[in-house]
Amino acid sequence: MESLKYIGAGLATLGMLGAALGVGNIFSSFLDAAMRNPSAAPQQQTNLFIGFALVEALGILSFVIGILAILAI
């Protein structure tokens, strides 16, 4: 049963992979848009950081769930 706990924790932390892909997608889309219309880039920078924060929060949440799965009895 101990090994199943580690397998479950590993599966729970797969959300960090999604967060990494999400951050890459957010920044690549911002850079594409900034290269097409440089004058609109400063207005979109707030949206960039909000999206980054939300995606990173989901990655951190999946990490915490994985740690809790290991430490649970």
Protein backbone atom coordinates (compact mmCIF):
# COMPACT_ATOMS: atom_id res chain seq x y z
CA MET A 1 0.00 0.00 0.00
CA GLU A 2 2.94 2.31 0.59
CA SER A 3 3.93 2.21 -3.07
CA LEU A 4 0.43 3.23 -4.18
CA LYS A 5 0.75 6.38 -2.09
CA TYR A 6 3.85 7.39 -4.06
CA ILE A 7 2.20 6.58 -7.38
CA GLY A 8 -0.78 8.74 -6.43
CA ALA A 9 1.50 11.59 -5.38
CA GLY A 10 3.36 11.37 -8.67
CA LEU A 11 0.13 11.47 -10.63
CA ALA A 12 -1.09 14.44 -8.59
CA THR A 13 2.02 16.42 -9.43
CA LEU A 14 1.43 16.06 -13.18
CA GLY A 15 -0.43 19.35 -12.86
CA MET A 16 2.98 21.02 -12.62
CA LEU A 17 3.64 19.88 -16.19
CA GLY A 18 0.44 21.59 -17.26
CA ALA A 19 1.52 24.74 -15.44
CA ALA A 20 4.86 24.76 -17.23
CA LEU A 21 3.16 24.36 -20.60
CA GLY A 22 0.66 27.07 -19.69
CA VAL A 23 3.36 29.57 -18.73
CA GLY A 24 5.22 28.90 -21.95
CA ASN A 25 2.03 29.37 -23.95
CA ILE A 26 1.17 32.63 -22.18
CA PHE A 27 4.58 34.18 -22.76
CA SER A 28 4.87 33.00 -26.36
CA SER A 29 1.44 34.44 -27.16
CA PHE A 30 2.39 37.73 -25.52
CA LEU A 31 5.63 37.95 -27.47
CA ASP A 32 3.82 37.19 -30.74
CA ALA A 33 1.29 39.92 -30.03
CA ALA A 34 3.97 42.40 -28.93
CA MET A 35 5.92 41.85 -32.14
CA ARG A 36 2.82 42.43 -34.26
CA ASN A 37 1.66 45.54 -32.41
CA PRO A 38 4.37 47.01 -30.15
CA SER A 39 2.24 49.97 -29.11
CA ALA A 40 -0.35 47.68 -27.46
CA ALA A 41 2.20 45.67 -25.45
CA PRO A 42 2.16 47.87 -22.31
CA GLN A 43 -1.63 47.56 -22.00
CA GLN A 44 -1.43 43.76 -22.26
CA GLN A 45 1.34 43.39 -19.71
CA THR A 46 -1.13 43.39 -16.81
CA ASN A 47 -3.07 40.54 -18.40
CA LEU A 48 0.22 38.70 -18.90
CA PHE A 49 1.11 38.83 -15.22
CA ILE A 50 -2.40 37.90 -14.06
CA GLY A 51 -2.41 34.87 -16.35
CA PHE A 52 1.07 33.92 -15.20
CA ALA A 53 0.05 34.14 -11.53
CA LEU A 54 -3.07 32.02 -12.03
CA VAL A 55 -1.23 29.30 -13.93
CA GLU A 56 1.58 29.19 -11.39
CA ALA A 57 -0.95 28.98 -8.55
CA LEU A 58 -2.42 25.86 -10.13
CA GLY A 59 1.05 24.35 -10.44
CA ILE A 60 1.82 25.07 -6.80
CA LEU A 61 -1.55 23.64 -5.79
CA SER A 62 -0.82 20.36 -7.58
CA PHE A 63 2.58 20.21 -5.84
CA VAL A 64 0.96 20.74 -2.44
CA ILE A 65 -1.60 18.02 -3.15
CA GLY A 66 1.23 15.65 -4.06
CA ILE A 67 3.07 16.43 -0.83
CA LEU A 68 -0.12 15.96 1.18
CA ALA A 69 -0.69 12.61 -0.51
CA ILE A 70 2.75 11.45 0.61
CA LEU A 71 2.35 12.71 4.17
CA ALA A 72 -1.20 11.40 4.63
CA ILE A 73 -1.61 8.27 6.68
